[in-house]
Amino acid sequence: MKNIFKHLYYLYYRPKIFFPKKTYSTYGEDIIIEQFFKNKKKGFYVDIGCYHPLEGNNTYLLFKKGWNGINADVNSLSIELFNRAREKDHNINLAVSDKKTKIENLF
């Protein structure tokens, strides 16, 4: 039983510096994308609904490889974070819809 708690400690509670992240997306989509483009050193991505520059992000692994692209999100705070973390990208505060209308900033 003691080994189980030790194992859980190493998996969940020990500082993450000892266990670098392999994925930054929510369900590991970025690993699939990176494997698909593993031989391509430079590229361009478009991330609509980018949310956060690191957490839950599908393009951060590509960014770390030297890619750049466009990140768009309706949340202005998200875009401020992207502007600081990914200065080489084009970070845009906008909403994507099938209707042509103007909206007020919700956040």
PDB file of N, CA and C in Angstrom:
ATOM      1  N   MET A   1       0.821  -1.203   0.000  1.00  0.00           N
ATOM      2  CA  MET A   1       0.000   0.000   0.000  1.00  0.00           C
ATOM      3  C   MET A   1       0.861   1.262   0.000  1.00  0.00           C
ATOM      4  N   LYS A   2       1.993   1.206   0.698  1.00  0.00           N
ATOM      5  CA  LYS A   2       2.884   2.353   0.757  1.00  0.00           C
ATOM      6  C   LYS A   2       3.426   2.707  -0.631  1.00  0.00           C
ATOM      7  N   ASN A   3       3.682   1.707  -1.462  1.00  0.00           N
ATOM      8  CA  ASN A   3       4.182   1.946  -2.815  1.00  0.00           C
ATOM      9  C   ASN A   3       3.168   2.695  -3.676  1.00  0.00           C
ATOM     10  N   ILE A   4       1.899   2.442  -3.459  1.00  0.00           N
ATOM     11  CA  ILE A   4       0.852   3.127  -4.217  1.00  0.00           C
ATOM     12  C   ILE A   4       0.882   4.619  -3.911  1.00  0.00           C
ATOM     13  N   PHE A   5       1.002   4.979  -2.625  1.00  0.00           N
ATOM     14  CA  PHE A   5       1.049   6.388  -2.258  1.00  0.00           C
ATOM     15  C   PHE A   5       2.311   7.055  -2.789  1.00  0.00           C
ATOM     16  N   LYS A   6       3.416   6.336  -2.754  1.00  0.00           N
ATOM     17  CA  LYS A   6       4.660   6.873  -3.299  1.00  0.00           C
ATOM     18  C   LYS A   6       4.517   7.110  -4.800  1.00  0.00           C
ATOM     19  N   HIS A   7       3.902   6.166  -5.484  1.00  0.00           N
ATOM     20  CA  HIS A   7       3.683   6.297  -6.921  1.00  0.00           C
ATOM     21  C   HIS A   7       2.770   7.493  -7.218  1.00  0.00           C
ATOM     22  N   LEU A   8       1.698   7.645  -6.455  1.00  0.00           N
ATOM     23  CA  LEU A   8       0.790   8.779  -6.648  1.00  0.00           C
ATOM     24  C   LEU A   8       1.495  10.106  -6.383  1.00  0.00           C
ATOM     25  N   TYR A   9       2.352  10.121  -5.369  1.00  0.00           N
ATOM     26  CA  TYR A   9       3.107  11.336  -5.074  1.00  0.00           C
ATOM     27  C   TYR A   9       3.959  11.742  -6.267  1.00  0.00           C
ATOM     28  N   TYR A  10       4.673  10.782  -6.840  1.00  0.00           N
ATOM     29  CA  TYR A  10       5.536  11.096  -7.975  1.00  0.00           C
ATOM     30  C   TYR A  10       4.743  11.496  -9.211  1.00  0.00           C
ATOM     31  N   LEU A  11       3.554  10.934  -9.363  1.00  0.00           N
ATOM     32  CA  LEU A  11       2.748  11.269 -10.535  1.00  0.00           C
ATOM     33  C   LEU A  11       2.078  12.640 -10.429  1.00  0.00           C
ATOM     34  N   TYR A  12       1.556  12.964  -9.237  1.00  0.00           N
ATOM     35  CA  TYR A  12       0.690  14.124  -9.138  1.00  0.00           C
ATOM     36  C   TYR A  12       1.202  15.269  -8.267  1.00  0.00           C
ATOM     37  N   TYR A  13       2.001  14.994  -7.264  1.00  0.00           N
ATOM     38  CA  TYR A  13       2.332  16.035  -6.299  1.00  0.00           C
ATOM     39  C   TYR A  13       3.774  16.526  -6.366  1.00  0.00           C
ATOM     40  N   ARG A  14       4.681  15.709  -6.821  1.00  0.00           N
ATOM     41  CA  ARG A  14       6.066  16.142  -6.924  1.00  0.00           C
ATOM     42  C   ARG A  14       6.149  17.281  -7.942  1.00  0.00           C
ATOM     43  N   PRO A  15       6.997  18.241  -7.693  1.00  0.00           N
ATOM     44  CA  PRO A  15       7.074  19.389  -8.621  1.00  0.00           C
ATOM     45  C   PRO A  15       7.276  18.951 -10.064  1.00  0.00           C
ATOM     46  N   LYS A  16       6.593  19.626 -10.959  1.00  0.00           N
ATOM     47  CA  LYS A  16       6.590  19.250 -12.374  1.00  0.00           C
ATOM     48  C   LYS A  16       7.937  19.466 -13.051  1.00  0.00           C
ATOM     49  N   ILE A  17       8.857  20.178 -12.408  1.00  0.00           N
ATOM     50  CA  ILE A  17      10.167  20.389 -13.006  1.00  0.00           C
ATOM     51  C   ILE A  17      10.907  19.065 -13.202  1.00  0.00           C
ATOM     52  N   PHE A  18      10.588  18.086 -12.366  1.00  0.00           N
ATOM     53  CA  PHE A  18      11.223  16.777 -12.470  1.00  0.00           C
ATOM     54  C   PHE A  18      10.582  15.922 -13.552  1.00  0.00           C
ATOM     55  N   PHE A  19       9.377  16.298 -13.954  1.00  0.00           N
ATOM     56  CA  PHE A  19       8.645  15.567 -14.983  1.00  0.00           C
ATOM     57  C   PHE A  19       8.182  16.548 -16.050  1.00  0.00           C
ATOM     58  N   PRO A  20       9.023  16.847 -17.031  1.00  0.00           N
ATOM     59  CA  PRO A  20       8.600  17.811 -18.060  1.00  0.00           C
ATOM     60  C   PRO A  20       7.367  17.311 -18.803  1.00  0.00           C
ATOM     61  N   LYS A  21       6.537  18.248 -19.208  1.00  0.00           N
ATOM     62  CA  LYS A  21       5.309  17.899 -19.914  1.00  0.00           C
ATOM     63  C   LYS A  21       5.616  17.351 -21.299  1.00  0.00           C
ATOM     64  N   LYS A  22       4.870  16.340 -21.684  1.00  0.00           N
ATOM     65  CA  LYS A  22       4.977  15.824 -23.045  1.00  0.00           C
ATOM     66  C   LYS A  22       3.889  16.425 -23.926  1.00  0.00           C
ATOM     67  N   THR A  23       2.798  16.835 -23.298  1.00  0.00           N
ATOM     68  CA  THR A  23       1.682  17.406 -24.041  1.00  0.00           C
ATOM     69  C   THR A  23       1.192  18.664 -23.340  1.00  0.00           C
ATOM     70  N   TYR A  24       0.729  19.617 -24.114  1.00  0.00           N
ATOM     71  CA  TYR A  24       0.182  20.851 -23.571  1.00  0.00           C
ATOM     72  C   TYR A  24      -1.306  20.973 -23.884  1.00  0.00           C
ATOM     73  N   SER A  25      -1.789  20.180 -24.813  1.00  0.00           N
ATOM     74  CA  SER A  25      -3.208  20.229 -25.160  1.00  0.00           C
ATOM     75  C   SER A  25      -4.014  19.438 -24.138  1.00  0.00           C
ATOM     76  N   THR A  26      -5.311  19.576 -24.212  1.00  0.00           N
ATOM     77  CA  THR A  26      -6.184  18.955 -23.229  1.00  0.00           C
ATOM     78  C   THR A  26      -6.168  17.433 -23.316  1.00  0.00           C
ATOM     79  N   TYR A  27      -6.223  16.888 -24.510  1.00  0.00           N
ATOM     80  CA  TYR A  27      -6.310  15.437 -24.666  1.00  0.00           C
ATOM     81  C   TYR A  27      -5.155  14.848 -25.472  1.00  0.00           C
ATOM     82  N   GLY A  28      -4.038  15.577 -25.579  1.00  0.00           N
ATOM     83  CA  GLY A  28      -2.879  15.063 -26.289  1.00  0.00           C
ATOM     84  C   GLY A  28      -2.932  15.229 -27.796  1.00  0.00           C
ATOM     85  N   GLU A  29      -3.806  16.107 -28.274  1.00  0.00           N
ATOM     86  CA  GLU A  29      -3.904  16.329 -29.717  1.00  0.00           C
ATOM     87  C   GLU A  29      -2.596  16.852 -30.297  1.00  0.00           C
ATOM     88  N   ASP A  30      -1.877  17.638 -29.493  1.00  0.00           N
ATOM     89  CA  ASP A  30      -0.632  18.228 -29.988  1.00  0.00           C
ATOM     90  C   ASP A  30       0.426  17.171 -30.294  1.00  0.00           C
ATOM     91  N   ILE A  31       0.401  16.060 -29.588  1.00  0.00           N
ATOM     92  CA  ILE A  31       1.351  14.975 -29.861  1.00  0.00           C
ATOM     93  C   ILE A  31       1.061  14.360 -31.229  1.00  0.00           C
ATOM     94  N   ILE A  32      -0.213  14.183 -31.531  1.00  0.00           N
ATOM     95  CA  ILE A  32      -0.611  13.633 -32.832  1.00  0.00           C
ATOM     96  C   ILE A  32      -0.204  14.593 -33.949  1.00  0.00           C
ATOM     97  N   ILE A  33      -0.446  15.888 -33.739  1.00  0.00           N
ATOM     98  CA  ILE A  33      -0.082  16.894 -34.738  1.00  0.00           C
ATOM     99  C   ILE A  33       1.427  16.930 -34.928  1.00  0.00           C
ATOM    100  N   GLU A  34       2.172  16.897 -33.822  1.00  0.00           N
ATOM    101  CA  GLU A  34       3.633  16.933 -33.906  1.00  0.00           C
ATOM    102  C   GLU A  34       4.171  15.693 -34.629  1.00  0.00           C
ATOM    103  N   GLN A  35       3.599  14.530 -34.363  1.00  0.00           N
ATOM    104  CA  GLN A  35       4.038  13.305 -35.051  1.00  0.00           C
ATOM    105  C   GLN A  35       3.757  13.379 -36.547  1.00  0.00           C
ATOM    106  N   PHE A  36       2.604  13.950 -36.905  1.00  0.00           N
ATOM    107  CA  PHE A  36       2.246  14.068 -38.306  1.00  0.00           C
ATOM    108  C   PHE A  36       3.244  14.947 -39.060  1.00  0.00           C
ATOM    109  N   PHE A  37       3.710  16.018 -38.398  1.00  0.00           N
ATOM    110  CA  PHE A  37       4.642  16.957 -39.013  1.00  0.00           C
ATOM    111  C   PHE A  37       6.064  16.804 -38.469  1.00  0.00           C
ATOM    112  N   LYS A  38       6.450  15.613 -38.038  1.00  0.00           N
ATOM    113  CA  LYS A  38       7.735  15.427 -37.358  1.00  0.00           C
ATOM    114  C   LYS A  38       8.940  15.775 -38.223  1.00  0.00           C
ATOM    115  N   ASN A  39       8.846  15.655 -39.530  1.00  0.00           N
ATOM    116  CA  ASN A  39       9.975  15.960 -40.407  1.00  0.00           C
ATOM    117  C   ASN A  39       9.988  17.396 -40.905  1.00  0.00           C
ATOM    118  N   LYS A  40       8.995  18.162 -40.513  1.00  0.00           N
ATOM    119  CA  LYS A  40       8.892  19.556 -40.960  1.00  0.00           C
ATOM    120  C   LYS A  40       9.383  20.477 -39.842  1.00  0.00           C
ATOM    121  N   LYS A  41      10.513  21.150 -40.094  1.00  0.00           N
ATOM    122  CA  LYS A  41      11.137  21.979 -39.055  1.00  0.00           C
ATOM    123  C   LYS A  41      10.443  23.328 -38.876  1.00  0.00           C
ATOM    124  N   LYS A  42       9.978  23.925 -39.953  1.00  0.00           N
ATOM    125  CA  LYS A  42       9.295  25.218 -39.893  1.00  0.00           C
ATOM    126  C   LYS A  42       7.904  25.059 -40.483  1.00  0.00           C
ATOM    127  N   GLY A  43       6.966  25.831 -39.956  1.00  0.00           N
ATOM    128  CA  GLY A  43       5.613  25.767 -40.475  1.00  0.00           C
ATOM    129  C   GLY A  43       4.776  26.926 -39.955  1.00  0.00           C
ATOM    130  N   PHE A  44       3.503  26.916 -40.317  1.00  0.00           N
ATOM    131  CA  PHE A  44       2.567  27.973 -39.962  1.00  0.00           C
ATOM    132  C   PHE A  44       1.274  27.336 -39.480  1.00  0.00           C
ATOM    133  N   TYR A  45       0.757  27.800 -38.349  1.00  0.00           N
ATOM    134  CA  TYR A  45      -0.497  27.275 -37.809  1.00  0.00           C
ATOM    135  C   TYR A  45      -1.491  28.408 -37.592  1.00  0.00           C
ATOM    136  N   VAL A  46      -2.764  28.041 -37.526  1.00  0.00           N
ATOM    137  CA  VAL A  46      -3.846  28.965 -37.178  1.00  0.00           C
ATOM    138  C   VAL A  46      -4.610  28.305 -36.044  1.00  0.00           C
ATOM    139  N   ASP A  47      -4.656  28.963 -34.896  1.00  0.00           N
ATOM    140  CA  ASP A  47      -5.316  28.428 -33.706  1.00  0.00           C
ATOM    141  C   ASP A  47      -6.493  29.331 -33.348  1.00  0.00           C
ATOM    142  N   ILE A  48      -7.691  28.886 -33.675  1.00  0.00           N
ATOM    143  CA  ILE A  48      -8.912  29.637 -33.377  1.00  0.00           C
ATOM    144  C   ILE A  48      -9.458  29.130 -32.049  1.00  0.00           C
ATOM    145  N   GLY A  49      -9.676  30.043 -31.112  1.00  0.00           N
ATOM    146  CA  GLY A  49     -10.065  29.654 -29.763  1.00  0.00           C
ATOM    147  C   GLY A  49      -8.844  29.158 -29.006  1.00  0.00           C
ATOM    148  N   CYS A  50      -7.777  29.930 -29.081  1.00  0.00           N
ATOM    149  CA  CYS A  50      -6.470  29.488 -28.584  1.00  0.00           C
ATOM    150  C   CYS A  50      -6.400  29.358 -27.067  1.00  0.00           C
ATOM    151  N   TYR A  51      -7.207  30.053 -26.314  1.00  0.00           N
ATOM    152  CA  TYR A  51      -7.380  29.945 -24.868  1.00  0.00           C
ATOM    153  C   TYR A  51      -6.182  30.405 -24.045  1.00  0.00           C
ATOM    154  N   HIS A  52      -5.068  29.701 -24.068  1.00  0.00           N
ATOM    155  CA  HIS A  52      -3.911  30.009 -23.215  1.00  0.00           C
ATOM    156  C   HIS A  52      -2.641  29.602 -23.958  1.00  0.00           C
ATOM    157  N   PRO A  53      -1.539  30.353 -23.799  1.00  0.00           N
ATOM    158  CA  PRO A  53      -0.319  30.030 -24.549  1.00  0.00           C
ATOM    159  C   PRO A  53       0.299  28.679 -24.208  1.00  0.00           C
ATOM    160  N   LEU A  54       0.041  28.150 -23.028  1.00  0.00           N
ATOM    161  CA  LEU A  54       0.632  26.863 -22.629  1.00  0.00           C
ATOM    162  C   LEU A  54      -0.417  25.821 -22.273  1.00  0.00           C
ATOM    163  N   GLU A  55      -1.264  26.122 -21.330  1.00  0.00           N
ATOM    164  CA  GLU A  55      -2.225  25.146 -20.817  1.00  0.00           C
ATOM    165  C   GLU A  55      -3.375  24.917 -21.795  1.00  0.00           C
ATOM    166  N   GLY A  56      -3.616  23.680 -22.133  1.00  0.00           N
ATOM    167  CA  GLY A  56      -4.716  23.344 -23.036  1.00  0.00           C
ATOM    168  C   GLY A  56      -4.512  23.866 -24.441  1.00  0.00           C
ATOM    169  N   ASN A  57      -3.270  24.031 -24.862  1.00  0.00           N
ATOM    170  CA  ASN A  57      -2.992  24.619 -26.170  1.00  0.00           C
ATOM    171  C   ASN A  57      -2.505  23.567 -27.151  1.00  0.00           C
ATOM    172  N   ASN A  58      -3.092  23.558 -28.336  1.00  0.00           N
ATOM    173  CA  ASN A  58      -2.762  22.548 -29.354  1.00  0.00           C
ATOM    174  C   ASN A  58      -1.547  22.898 -30.199  1.00  0.00           C
ATOM    175  N   THR A  59      -1.060  24.139 -30.127  1.00  0.00           N
ATOM    176  CA  THR A  59       0.029  24.547 -31.015  1.00  0.00           C
ATOM    177  C   THR A  59       1.350  24.826 -30.296  1.00  0.00           C
ATOM    178  N   TYR A  60       1.404  24.719 -28.971  1.00  0.00           N
ATOM    179  CA  TYR A  60       2.617  25.088 -28.251  1.00  0.00           C
ATOM    180  C   TYR A  60       3.809  24.189 -28.601  1.00  0.00           C
ATOM    181  N   LEU A  61       3.594  22.906 -28.786  1.00  0.00           N
ATOM    182  CA  LEU A  61       4.705  22.029 -29.185  1.00  0.00           C
ATOM    183  C   LEU A  61       5.280  22.445 -30.528  1.00  0.00           C
ATOM    184  N   LEU A  62       4.428  22.842 -31.451  1.00  0.00           N
ATOM    185  CA  LEU A  62       4.910  23.326 -32.751  1.00  0.00           C
ATOM    186  C   LEU A  62       5.662  24.641 -32.585  1.00  0.00           C
ATOM    187  N   PHE A  63       5.157  25.512 -31.727  1.00  0.00           N
ATOM    188  CA  PHE A  63       5.832  26.780 -31.448  1.00  0.00           C
ATOM    189  C   PHE A  63       7.237  26.518 -30.897  1.00  0.00           C
ATOM    190  N   LYS A  64       7.355  25.554 -30.003  1.00  0.00           N
ATOM    191  CA  LYS A  64       8.660  25.202 -29.435  1.00  0.00           C
ATOM    192  C   LYS A  64       9.622  24.664 -30.494  1.00  0.00           C
ATOM    193  N   LYS A  65       9.078  24.080 -31.561  1.00  0.00           N
ATOM    194  CA  LYS A  65       9.911  23.570 -32.669  1.00  0.00           C
ATOM    195  C   LYS A  65      10.357  24.677 -33.618  1.00  0.00           C
ATOM    196  N   GLY A  66       9.833  25.886 -33.446  1.00  0.00           N
ATOM    197  CA  GLY A  66      10.218  26.985 -34.328  1.00  0.00           C
ATOM    198  C   GLY A  66       9.131  27.445 -35.279  1.00  0.00           C
ATOM    199  N   TRP A  67       7.957  26.824 -35.198  1.00  0.00           N
ATOM    200  CA  TRP A  67       6.839  27.264 -36.035  1.00  0.00           C
ATOM    201  C   TRP A  67       6.304  28.593 -35.496  1.00  0.00           C
ATOM    202  N   ASN A  68       5.504  29.268 -36.301  1.00  0.00           N
ATOM    203  CA  ASN A  68       4.766  30.426 -35.836  1.00  0.00           C
ATOM    204  C   ASN A  68       3.413  30.444 -36.528  1.00  0.00           C
ATOM    205  N   GLY A  69       2.545  31.375 -36.085  1.00  0.00           N
ATOM    206  CA  GLY A  69       1.226  31.390 -36.689  1.00  0.00           C
ATOM    207  C   GLY A  69       0.328  32.470 -36.139  1.00  0.00           C
ATOM    208  N   ILE A  70      -0.967  32.221 -36.285  1.00  0.00           N
ATOM    209  CA  ILE A  70      -2.008  33.144 -35.841  1.00  0.00           C
ATOM    210  C   ILE A  70      -2.776  32.486 -34.708  1.00  0.00           C
ATOM    211  N   ASN A  71      -2.939  33.228 -33.614  1.00  0.00           N
ATOM    212  CA  ASN A  71      -3.742  32.770 -32.484  1.00  0.00           C
ATOM    213  C   ASN A  71      -4.896  33.746 -32.316  1.00  0.00           C
ATOM    214  N   ALA A  72      -6.115  33.242 -32.285  1.00  0.00           N
ATOM    215  CA  ALA A  72      -7.293  34.095 -32.157  1.00  0.00           C
ATOM    216  C   ALA A  72      -8.166  33.613 -31.016  1.00  0.00           C
ATOM    217  N   ASP A  73      -8.641  34.560 -30.205  1.00  0.00           N
ATOM    218  CA  ASP A  73      -9.553  34.226 -29.111  1.00  0.00           C
ATOM    219  C   ASP A  73     -10.418  35.438 -28.802  1.00  0.00           C
ATOM    220  N   VAL A  74     -11.632  35.197 -28.349  1.00  0.00           N
ATOM    221  CA  VAL A  74     -12.552  36.268 -28.010  1.00  0.00           C
ATOM    222  C   VAL A  74     -12.176  36.909 -26.668  1.00  0.00           C
ATOM    223  N   ASN A  75     -11.453  36.206 -25.829  1.00  0.00           N
ATOM    224  CA  ASN A  75     -11.060  36.703 -24.519  1.00  0.00           C
ATOM    225  C   ASN A  75      -9.802  37.573 -24.650  1.00  0.00           C
ATOM    226  N   SER A  76      -9.911  38.850 -24.331  1.00  0.00           N
ATOM    227  CA  SER A  76      -8.779  39.766 -24.470  1.00  0.00           C
ATOM    228  C   SER A  76      -7.639  39.417 -23.510  1.00  0.00           C
ATOM    229  N   LEU A  77      -7.938  38.850 -22.359  1.00  0.00           N
ATOM    230  CA  LEU A  77      -6.887  38.433 -21.426  1.00  0.00           C
ATOM    231  C   LEU A  77      -6.040  37.314 -22.033  1.00  0.00           C
ATOM    232  N   SER A  78      -6.674  36.401 -22.727  1.00  0.00           N
ATOM    233  CA  SER A  78      -5.930  35.334 -23.405  1.00  0.00           C
ATOM    234  C   SER A  78      -4.956  35.918 -24.416  1.00  0.00           C
ATOM    235  N   ILE A  79      -5.402  36.895 -25.170  1.00  0.00           N
ATOM    236  CA  ILE A  79      -4.546  37.499 -26.187  1.00  0.00           C
ATOM    237  C   ILE A  79      -3.403  38.282 -25.537  1.00  0.00           C
ATOM    238  N   GLU A  80      -3.656  38.909 -24.398  1.00  0.00           N
ATOM    239  CA  GLU A  80      -2.568  39.585 -23.675  1.00  0.00           C
ATOM    240  C   GLU A  80      -1.500  38.574 -23.253  1.00  0.00           C
ATOM    241  N   LEU A  81      -1.929  37.412 -22.786  1.00  0.00           N
ATOM    242  CA  LEU A  81      -0.978  36.362 -22.409  1.00  0.00           C
ATOM    243  C   LEU A  81      -0.181  35.883 -23.621  1.00  0.00           C
ATOM    244  N   PHE A  82      -0.863  35.702 -24.742  1.00  0.00           N
ATOM    245  CA  PHE A  82      -0.179  35.294 -25.973  1.00  0.00           C
ATOM    246  C   PHE A  82       0.814  36.361 -26.437  1.00  0.00           C
ATOM    247  N   ASN A  83       0.446  37.628 -26.302  1.00  0.00           N
ATOM    248  CA  ASN A  83       1.352  38.705 -26.709  1.00  0.00           C
ATOM    249  C   ASN A  83       2.648  38.686 -25.905  1.00  0.00           C
ATOM    250  N   ARG A  84       2.580  38.264 -24.674  1.00  0.00           N
ATOM    251  CA  ARG A  84       3.779  38.185 -23.829  1.00  0.00           C
ATOM    252  C   ARG A  84       4.556  36.892 -24.069  1.00  0.00           C
ATOM    253  N   ALA A  85       3.840  35.786 -24.217  1.00  0.00           N
ATOM    254  CA  ALA A  85       4.500  34.480 -24.327  1.00  0.00           C
ATOM    255  C   ALA A  85       4.927  34.142 -25.753  1.00  0.00           C
ATOM    256  N   ARG A  86       4.207  34.667 -26.739  1.00  0.00           N
ATOM    257  CA  ARG A  86       4.489  34.333 -28.140  1.00  0.00           C
ATOM    258  C   ARG A  86       4.531  35.598 -28.991  1.00  0.00           C
ATOM    259  N   GLU A  87       5.579  36.351 -28.801  1.00  0.00           N
ATOM    260  CA  GLU A  87       5.708  37.634 -29.492  1.00  0.00           C
ATOM    261  C   GLU A  87       5.863  37.484 -30.999  1.00  0.00           C
ATOM    262  N   LYS A  88       6.380  36.349 -31.467  1.00  0.00           N
ATOM    263  CA  LYS A  88       6.578  36.147 -32.906  1.00  0.00           C
ATOM    264  C   LYS A  88       5.288  35.771 -33.633  1.00  0.00           C
ATOM    265  N   ASP A  89       4.279  35.361 -32.889  1.00  0.00           N
ATOM    266  CA  ASP A  89       2.987  35.022 -33.480  1.00  0.00           C
ATOM    267  C   ASP A  89       2.144  36.280 -33.675  1.00  0.00           C
ATOM    268  N   HIS A  90       1.114  36.156 -34.507  1.00  0.00           N
ATOM    269  CA  HIS A  90       0.112  37.206 -34.670  1.00  0.00           C
ATOM    270  C   HIS A  90      -1.055  36.810 -33.777  1.00  0.00           C
ATOM    271  N   ASN A  91      -1.305  37.592 -32.734  1.00  0.00           N
ATOM    272  CA  ASN A  91      -2.330  37.273 -31.745  1.00  0.00           C
ATOM    273  C   ASN A  91      -3.471  38.267 -31.868  1.00  0.00           C
ATOM    274  N   ILE A  92      -4.665  37.745 -32.134  1.00  0.00           N
ATOM    275  CA  ILE A  92      -5.797  38.593 -32.494  1.00  0.00           C
ATOM    276  C   ILE A  92      -6.957  38.345 -31.539  1.00  0.00           C
ATOM    277  N   ASN A  93      -7.520  39.436 -31.013  1.00  0.00           N
ATOM    278  CA  ASN A  93      -8.697  39.365 -30.144  1.00  0.00           C
ATOM    279  C   ASN A  93      -9.938  39.522 -31.015  1.00  0.00           C
ATOM    280  N   LEU A  94     -10.572  38.385 -31.335  1.00  0.00           N
ATOM    281  CA  LEU A  94     -11.777  38.412 -32.153  1.00  0.00           C
ATOM    282  C   LEU A  94     -12.598  37.150 -31.932  1.00  0.00           C
ATOM    283  N   ALA A  95     -13.822  37.221 -32.396  1.00  0.00           N
ATOM    284  CA  ALA A  95     -14.717  36.065 -32.341  1.00  0.00           C
ATOM    285  C   ALA A  95     -14.908  35.550 -33.761  1.00  0.00           C
ATOM    286  N   VAL A  96     -15.071  34.252 -33.895  1.00  0.00           N
ATOM    287  CA  VAL A  96     -15.319  33.638 -35.199  1.00  0.00           C
ATOM    288  C   VAL A  96     -16.752  33.116 -35.179  1.00  0.00           C
ATOM    289  N   SER A  97     -17.523  33.502 -36.189  1.00  0.00           N
ATOM    290  CA  SER A  97     -18.937  33.127 -36.234  1.00  0.00           C
ATOM    291  C   SER A  97     -19.393  33.013 -37.678  1.00  0.00           C
ATOM    292  N   ASP A  98     -20.561  32.418 -37.861  1.00  0.00           N
ATOM    293  CA  ASP A  98     -21.148  32.366 -39.193  1.00  0.00           C
ATOM    294  C   ASP A  98     -22.080  33.562 -39.430  1.00  0.00           C
ATOM    295  N   LYS A  99     -22.182  34.455 -38.445  1.00  0.00           N
ATOM    296  CA  LYS A  99     -23.022  35.642 -38.561  1.00  0.00           C
ATOM    297  C   LYS A  99     -22.151  36.884 -38.566  1.00  0.00           C
ATOM    298  N   LYS A 100     -22.533  37.861 -39.374  1.00  0.00           N
ATOM    299  CA  LYS A 100     -21.797  39.114 -39.454  1.00  0.00           C
ATOM    300  C   LYS A 100     -22.460  40.104 -38.481  1.00  0.00           C
ATOM    301  N   THR A 101     -21.811  40.313 -37.332  1.00  0.00           N
ATOM    302  CA  THR A 101     -22.346  41.217 -36.323  1.00  0.00           C
ATOM    303  C   THR A 101     -21.211  41.684 -35.432  1.00  0.00           C
ATOM    304  N   LYS A 102     -21.405  42.779 -34.765  1.00  0.00           N
ATOM    305  CA  LYS A 102     -20.405  43.287 -33.832  1.00  0.00           C
ATOM    306  C   LYS A 102     -20.829  42.899 -32.423  1.00  0.00           C
ATOM    307  N   ILE A 103     -19.865  42.438 -31.628  1.00  0.00           N
ATOM    308  CA  ILE A 103     -20.158  42.097 -30.238  1.00  0.00           C
ATOM    309  C   ILE A 103     -19.302  42.962 -29.319  1.00  0.00           C
ATOM    310  N   GLU A 104     -19.780  43.145 -28.123  1.00  0.00           N
ATOM    311  CA  GLU A 104     -19.000  43.875 -27.106  1.00  0.00           C
ATOM    312  C   GLU A 104     -18.077  42.879 -26.434  1.00  0.00           C
ATOM    313  N   ASN A 105     -16.974  43.381 -25.924  1.00  0.00           N
ATOM    314  CA  ASN A 105     -16.025  42.524 -25.223  1.00  0.00           C
ATOM    315  C   ASN A 105     -16.715  41.902 -24.006  1.00  0.00           C
ATOM    316  N   LEU A 106     -16.738  40.602 -23.955  1.00  0.00           N
ATOM    317  CA  LEU A 106     -17.439  39.887 -22.892  1.00  0.00           C
ATOM    318  C   LEU A 106     -16.593  39.722 -21.642  1.00  0.00           C
ATOM    319  N   PHE A 107     -15.303  39.940 -21.745  1.00  0.00           N
ATOM    320  CA  PHE A 107     -14.427  39.662 -20.609  1.00  0.00           C
ATOM    321  C   PHE A 107     -13.746  40.915 -20.128  1.00  0.00           C
TER     322      PHE A 107
END
